[in-house]
Amino acid sequence: MRVIAGKAKGIQLNTPQGMLTRPTTDRVKEALFSIIQFELPGARVLDLFGGTGQLGIEALSRGASKAVFVDARREACQLIGANLKKTHLESEASVVHSDYLEYLNRCKETFQIILLDPPYAEVFLENAIKRITEIDILQSGGIIVAERPLGKELPWEFEGYTRSKDYKYGKIILTLYRKR
């Protein structure tokens, strides 16, 4: 797993031991950042299910101004911190050890991009999108990017949000919602 483009291009990121974290493949990550490339410069990004930190780190490497990484597992937060240090991006980031819903319920920051890549077998994705659309943390015109497995459906409509087409990559689908 490596940073694909930008100022940290080519740096290999540390990966977790065990199967609790499922990193996004390079192919899907490349596609995701091609889709949102013009939204990134200067953007504030929330990587809500941080894992290894690779999505938020890629965003920072490609020009995002700040990234907040949230993960409920202490080991994941430590791994994100190590990867930020390795890529020299720690000054542009903060890592929060918290359950995603607890974080959202107390969040006072706003973002232009929210990246969601939770564990597939859970209802975290649906719950996160629902909660994000209920609170005011995404700026007008901002984007939610949701990664999900083929066969996992998401609602087409959330009040105040427009869903774009789905982008399919093998058994993975990227879905974008834009705040109107």
C-alpha atoms as a PDB file:
ATOM      1  CA  MET A   1       0.000   0.000   0.000  1.00  0.00           C
ATOM      2  CA  ARG A   2       1.500   3.287  -1.112  1.00  0.00           C
ATOM      3  CA  VAL A   3       0.689   6.929  -1.728  1.00  0.00           C
ATOM      4  CA  ILE A   4      -0.133   7.158  -5.436  1.00  0.00           C
ATOM      5  CA  ALA A   5       0.324  10.849  -6.252  1.00  0.00           C
ATOM      6  CA  GLY A   6       1.291  14.261  -4.914  1.00  0.00           C
ATOM      7  CA  LYS A   7       3.940  15.399  -2.488  1.00  0.00           C
ATOM      8  CA  ALA A   8       4.146  12.017  -0.695  1.00  0.00           C
ATOM      9  CA  LYS A   9       4.024   9.990  -3.929  1.00  0.00           C
ATOM     10  CA  GLY A  10       5.581   6.546  -3.723  1.00  0.00           C
ATOM     11  CA  ILE A  11       5.893   6.347   0.069  1.00  0.00           C
ATOM     12  CA  GLN A  12       4.943   2.904   1.332  1.00  0.00           C
ATOM     13  CA  LEU A  13       2.445   3.070   4.173  1.00  0.00           C
ATOM     14  CA  ASN A  14       2.521   0.798   7.197  1.00  0.00           C
ATOM     15  CA  THR A  15      -0.219  -1.820   7.185  1.00  0.00           C
ATOM     16  CA  PRO A  16      -2.033  -3.420  10.099  1.00  0.00           C
ATOM     17  CA  GLN A  17      -1.560  -6.937  11.328  1.00  0.00           C
ATOM     18  CA  GLY A  18      -4.598  -9.202  11.204  1.00  0.00           C
ATOM     19  CA  MET A  19      -7.850  -8.825   9.314  1.00  0.00           C
ATOM     20  CA  LEU A  20      -9.599  -6.038  11.258  1.00  0.00           C
ATOM     21  CA  THR A  21      -8.700  -3.432   8.623  1.00  0.00           C
ATOM     22  CA  ARG A  22      -9.422  -3.843   4.914  1.00  0.00           C
ATOM     23  CA  PRO A  23      -7.373  -1.245   3.025  1.00  0.00           C
ATOM     24  CA  THR A  24      -8.766   0.194  -0.209  1.00  0.00           C
ATOM     25  CA  THR A  25      -6.986  -1.263  -3.233  1.00  0.00           C
ATOM     26  CA  ASP A  26      -4.716   0.991  -5.310  1.00  0.00           C
ATOM     27  CA  ARG A  27      -7.056   0.588  -8.299  1.00  0.00           C
ATOM     28  CA  VAL A  28     -10.094   1.838  -6.364  1.00  0.00           C
ATOM     29  CA  LYS A  29      -8.076   4.562  -4.634  1.00  0.00           C
ATOM     30  CA  GLU A  30      -6.742   5.814  -7.987  1.00  0.00           C
ATOM     31  CA  ALA A  31     -10.286   5.888  -9.381  1.00  0.00           C
ATOM     32  CA  LEU A  32     -11.693   7.667  -6.329  1.00  0.00           C
ATOM     33  CA  PHE A  33      -9.097  10.424  -6.490  1.00  0.00           C
ATOM     34  CA  SER A  34      -9.530  10.809 -10.254  1.00  0.00           C
ATOM     35  CA  ILE A  35     -13.241  11.407  -9.640  1.00  0.00           C
ATOM     36  CA  ILE A  36     -12.675  14.087  -6.950  1.00  0.00           C
ATOM     37  CA  GLN A  37      -9.349  15.532  -8.149  1.00  0.00           C
ATOM     38  CA  PHE A  38     -10.707  19.030  -8.796  1.00  0.00           C
ATOM     39  CA  GLU A  39     -12.369  19.179  -5.355  1.00  0.00           C
ATOM     40  CA  LEU A  40      -9.122  18.465  -3.438  1.00  0.00           C
ATOM     41  CA  PRO A  41      -6.941  21.605  -3.598  1.00  0.00           C
ATOM     42  CA  GLY A  42      -7.340  23.412  -0.289  1.00  0.00           C
ATOM     43  CA  ALA A  43     -10.153  21.123   0.909  1.00  0.00           C
ATOM     44  CA  ARG A  44     -10.794  20.119   4.498  1.00  0.00           C
ATOM     45  CA  VAL A  45     -11.267  16.331   4.535  1.00  0.00           C
ATOM     46  CA  LEU A  46     -12.820  13.955   7.045  1.00  0.00           C
ATOM     47  CA  ASP A  47     -11.662  10.318   6.855  1.00  0.00           C
ATOM     48  CA  LEU A  48     -14.332   8.937   9.176  1.00  0.00           C
ATOM     49  CA  PHE A  49     -13.223   5.299   9.314  1.00  0.00           C
ATOM     50  CA  GLY A  50      -9.481   5.987   9.221  1.00  0.00           C
ATOM     51  CA  GLY A  51      -8.071   2.441   9.359  1.00  0.00           C
ATOM     52  CA  THR A  52      -4.560   2.956   7.976  1.00  0.00           C
ATOM     53  CA  GLY A  53      -5.171   6.584   7.065  1.00  0.00           C
ATOM     54  CA  GLN A  54      -4.431   5.925   3.411  1.00  0.00           C
ATOM     55  CA  LEU A  55      -7.443   7.800   1.978  1.00  0.00           C
ATOM     56  CA  GLY A  56      -6.933  10.960   4.019  1.00  0.00           C
ATOM     57  CA  ILE A  57      -3.172  10.791   3.458  1.00  0.00           C
ATOM     58  CA  GLU A  58      -3.735  10.510  -0.299  1.00  0.00           C
ATOM     59  CA  ALA A  59      -6.022  13.561  -0.094  1.00  0.00           C
ATOM     60  CA  LEU A  60      -3.360  15.547   1.793  1.00  0.00           C
ATOM     61  CA  SER A  61      -0.663  14.445  -0.620  1.00  0.00           C
ATOM     62  CA  ARG A  62      -2.806  15.695  -3.518  1.00  0.00           C
ATOM     63  CA  GLY A  63      -3.417  19.153  -2.046  1.00  0.00           C
ATOM     64  CA  ALA A  64      -6.075  19.001   0.672  1.00  0.00           C
ATOM     65  CA  SER A  65      -5.295  21.586   3.356  1.00  0.00           C
ATOM     66  CA  LYS A  66      -6.357  19.524   6.383  1.00  0.00           C
ATOM     67  CA  ALA A  67      -7.533  16.016   7.186  1.00  0.00           C
ATOM     68  CA  VAL A  68      -9.209  14.663  10.287  1.00  0.00           C
ATOM     69  CA  PHE A  69      -8.912  10.916  10.800  1.00  0.00           C
ATOM     70  CA  VAL A  70     -11.375   9.126  13.084  1.00  0.00           C
ATOM     71  CA  ASP A  71     -11.167   5.514  14.213  1.00  0.00           C
ATOM     72  CA  ALA A  72     -12.608   3.635  17.177  1.00  0.00           C
ATOM     73  CA  ARG A  73      -9.557   1.370  17.536  1.00  0.00           C
ATOM     74  CA  ARG A  74      -6.517   2.717  19.381  1.00  0.00           C
ATOM     75  CA  GLU A  75      -4.190   0.556  17.237  1.00  0.00           C
ATOM     76  CA  ALA A  76      -5.630   2.088  14.063  1.00  0.00           C
ATOM     77  CA  CYS A  77      -5.098   5.607  15.427  1.00  0.00           C
ATOM     78  CA  GLN A  78      -1.485   4.755  16.235  1.00  0.00           C
ATOM     79  CA  LEU A  79      -1.013   3.338  12.720  1.00  0.00           C
ATOM     80  CA  ILE A  80      -2.502   6.485  11.165  1.00  0.00           C
ATOM     81  CA  GLY A  81      -0.149   8.613  13.269  1.00  0.00           C
ATOM     82  CA  ALA A  82       2.846   6.536  12.145  1.00  0.00           C
ATOM     83  CA  ASN A  83       1.801   6.835   8.493  1.00  0.00           C
ATOM     84  CA  LEU A  84       1.328  10.597   8.814  1.00  0.00           C
ATOM     85  CA  LYS A  85       4.812  10.895  10.289  1.00  0.00           C
ATOM     86  CA  LYS A  86       6.269   8.677   7.567  1.00  0.00           C
ATOM     87  CA  THR A  87       4.720  10.904   4.864  1.00  0.00           C
ATOM     88  CA  HIS A  88       5.623  14.159   6.694  1.00  0.00           C
ATOM     89  CA  LEU A  89       1.952  15.201   6.681  1.00  0.00           C
ATOM     90  CA  GLU A  90       1.304  15.210  10.441  1.00  0.00           C
ATOM     91  CA  SER A  91       1.179  19.030  10.644  1.00  0.00           C
ATOM     92  CA  GLU A  92      -1.824  19.044   8.294  1.00  0.00           C
ATOM     93  CA  ALA A  93      -3.761  16.358  10.156  1.00  0.00           C
ATOM     94  CA  SER A  94      -5.397  15.376  13.397  1.00  0.00           C
ATOM     95  CA  VAL A  95      -6.243  11.875  14.576  1.00  0.00           C
ATOM     96  CA  VAL A  96      -9.272  11.302  16.785  1.00  0.00           C
ATOM     97  CA  HIS A  97      -9.775   8.091  18.753  1.00  0.00           C
ATOM     98  CA  SER A  98     -13.569   7.829  18.799  1.00  0.00           C
ATOM     99  CA  ASP A  99     -16.579   5.880  17.644  1.00  0.00           C
ATOM    100  CA  TYR A 100     -17.825   7.431  14.401  1.00  0.00           C
ATOM    101  CA  LEU A 101     -21.286   8.335  15.707  1.00  0.00           C
ATOM    102  CA  GLU A 102     -19.878   9.855  18.899  1.00  0.00           C
ATOM    103  CA  TYR A 103     -17.516  11.936  16.776  1.00  0.00           C
ATOM    104  CA  LEU A 104     -20.298  13.095  14.451  1.00  0.00           C
ATOM    105  CA  ASN A 105     -22.571  13.968  17.370  1.00  0.00           C
ATOM    106  CA  ARG A 106     -19.983  16.333  18.858  1.00  0.00           C
ATOM    107  CA  CYS A 107     -18.258  17.554  15.681  1.00  0.00           C
ATOM    108  CA  LYS A 108     -18.038  21.345  15.364  1.00  0.00           C
ATOM    109  CA  GLU A 109     -15.862  21.450  12.224  1.00  0.00           C
ATOM    110  CA  THR A 110     -17.005  21.633   8.615  1.00  0.00           C
ATOM    111  CA  PHE A 111     -15.534  19.774   5.652  1.00  0.00           C
ATOM    112  CA  GLN A 112     -15.608  19.892   1.866  1.00  0.00           C
ATOM    113  CA  ILE A 113     -15.011  16.132   1.466  1.00  0.00           C
ATOM    114  CA  ILE A 114     -16.036  13.245   3.713  1.00  0.00           C
ATOM    115  CA  LEU A 115     -14.527   9.836   2.948  1.00  0.00           C
ATOM    116  CA  LEU A 116     -16.435   6.769   4.173  1.00  0.00           C
ATOM    117  CA  ASP A 117     -14.888   3.307   3.942  1.00  0.00           C
ATOM    118  CA  PRO A 118     -16.234   1.395   6.955  1.00  0.00           C
ATOM    119  CA  PRO A 119     -16.245  -2.352   7.594  1.00  0.00           C
ATOM    120  CA  TYR A 120     -18.515  -3.812   4.916  1.00  0.00           C
ATOM    121  CA  ALA A 121     -20.456  -6.296   7.050  1.00  0.00           C
ATOM    122  CA  GLU A 122     -21.867  -3.616   9.349  1.00  0.00           C
ATOM    123  CA  VAL A 123     -24.507  -0.874   8.990  1.00  0.00           C
ATOM    124  CA  PHE A 124     -21.911   1.818   9.714  1.00  0.00           C
ATOM    125  CA  LEU A 125     -22.087   3.238   6.176  1.00  0.00           C
ATOM    126  CA  GLU A 126     -25.840   3.776   6.170  1.00  0.00           C
ATOM    127  CA  ASN A 127     -25.796   5.171   9.715  1.00  0.00           C
ATOM    128  CA  ALA A 128     -22.888   7.513   8.952  1.00  0.00           C
ATOM    129  CA  ILE A 129     -24.480   8.956   5.809  1.00  0.00           C
ATOM    130  CA  LYS A 130     -27.821   9.395   7.573  1.00  0.00           C
ATOM    131  CA  ARG A 131     -26.186  11.217  10.502  1.00  0.00           C
ATOM    132  CA  ILE A 132     -23.971  13.400   8.280  1.00  0.00           C
ATOM    133  CA  THR A 133     -27.017  14.522   6.305  1.00  0.00           C
ATOM    134  CA  GLU A 134     -28.842  15.378   9.536  1.00  0.00           C
ATOM    135  CA  ILE A 135     -26.093  17.621  10.927  1.00  0.00           C
ATOM    136  CA  ASP A 136     -24.340  20.566   9.314  1.00  0.00           C
ATOM    137  CA  ILE A 137     -20.694  19.476   8.926  1.00  0.00           C
ATOM    138  CA  LEU A 138     -20.490  19.296   5.125  1.00  0.00           C
ATOM    139  CA  GLN A 139     -20.178  22.631   3.366  1.00  0.00           C
ATOM    140  CA  SER A 140     -22.521  23.568   0.546  1.00  0.00           C
ATOM    141  CA  GLY A 141     -21.342  21.802  -2.618  1.00  0.00           C
ATOM    142  CA  GLY A 142     -19.309  19.359  -0.519  1.00  0.00           C
ATOM    143  CA  ILE A 143     -19.033  15.655  -1.288  1.00  0.00           C
ATOM    144  CA  ILE A 144     -19.543  12.431   0.643  1.00  0.00           C
ATOM    145  CA  VAL A 145     -17.651   9.522  -0.965  1.00  0.00           C
ATOM    146  CA  ALA A 146     -18.930   6.112   0.144  1.00  0.00           C
ATOM    147  CA  GLU A 147     -17.103   2.880  -0.667  1.00  0.00           C
ATOM    148  CA  ARG A 148     -19.280  -0.228  -0.516  1.00  0.00           C
ATOM    149  CA  PRO A 149     -19.302  -3.813  -1.724  1.00  0.00           C
ATOM    150  CA  LEU A 150     -21.301  -4.901  -4.755  1.00  0.00           C
ATOM    151  CA  GLY A 151     -24.776  -5.852  -3.566  1.00  0.00           C
ATOM    152  CA  LYS A 152     -24.915  -3.427  -0.633  1.00  0.00           C
ATOM    153  CA  GLU A 153     -27.542  -0.863  -1.550  1.00  0.00           C
ATOM    154  CA  LEU A 154     -27.663   2.739  -0.387  1.00  0.00           C
ATOM    155  CA  PRO A 155     -30.634   5.120  -0.413  1.00  0.00           C
ATOM    156  CA  TRP A 156     -30.884   7.325  -3.491  1.00  0.00           C
ATOM    157  CA  GLU A 157     -32.106  10.336  -1.612  1.00  0.00           C
ATOM    158  CA  PHE A 158     -31.146  12.214   1.502  1.00  0.00           C
ATOM    159  CA  GLU A 159     -32.782  15.587   2.021  1.00  0.00           C
ATOM    160  CA  GLY A 160     -30.511  18.351   0.752  1.00  0.00           C
ATOM    161  CA  TYR A 161     -28.188  15.932  -1.090  1.00  0.00           C
ATOM    162  CA  THR A 162     -27.911  14.730  -4.670  1.00  0.00           C
ATOM    163  CA  ARG A 163     -26.555  11.283  -5.450  1.00  0.00           C
ATOM    164  CA  SER A 164     -24.379  10.912  -8.533  1.00  0.00           C
ATOM    165  CA  LYS A 165     -23.968   7.786 -10.571  1.00  0.00           C
ATOM    166  CA  ASP A 166     -22.208   4.807  -9.044  1.00  0.00           C
ATOM    167  CA  TYR A 167     -18.663   3.945 -10.083  1.00  0.00           C
ATOM    168  CA  LYS A 168     -18.057   0.179 -10.183  1.00  0.00           C
ATOM    169  CA  TYR A 169     -14.593  -1.396  -9.863  1.00  0.00           C
ATOM    170  CA  GLY A 170     -14.817  -5.166  -9.704  1.00  0.00           C
ATOM    171  CA  LYS A 171     -16.687  -5.976  -6.484  1.00  0.00           C
ATOM    172  CA  ILE A 172     -16.417  -2.412  -5.135  1.00  0.00           C
ATOM    173  CA  ILE A 173     -18.761   0.516  -5.783  1.00  0.00           C
ATOM    174  CA  LEU A 174     -18.030   4.173  -5.087  1.00  0.00           C
ATOM    175  CA  THR A 175     -21.094   6.338  -4.502  1.00  0.00           C
ATOM    176  CA  LEU A 176     -20.966  10.133  -4.278  1.00  0.00           C
ATOM    177  CA  TYR A 177     -23.454  12.425  -2.589  1.00  0.00           C
ATOM    178  CA  ARG A 178     -23.173  16.188  -3.053  1.00  0.00           C
ATOM    179  CA  LYS A 179     -24.705  18.696  -0.673  1.00  0.00           C
ATOM    180  CA  ARG A 180     -26.964  21.105  -2.531  1.00  0.00           C
END
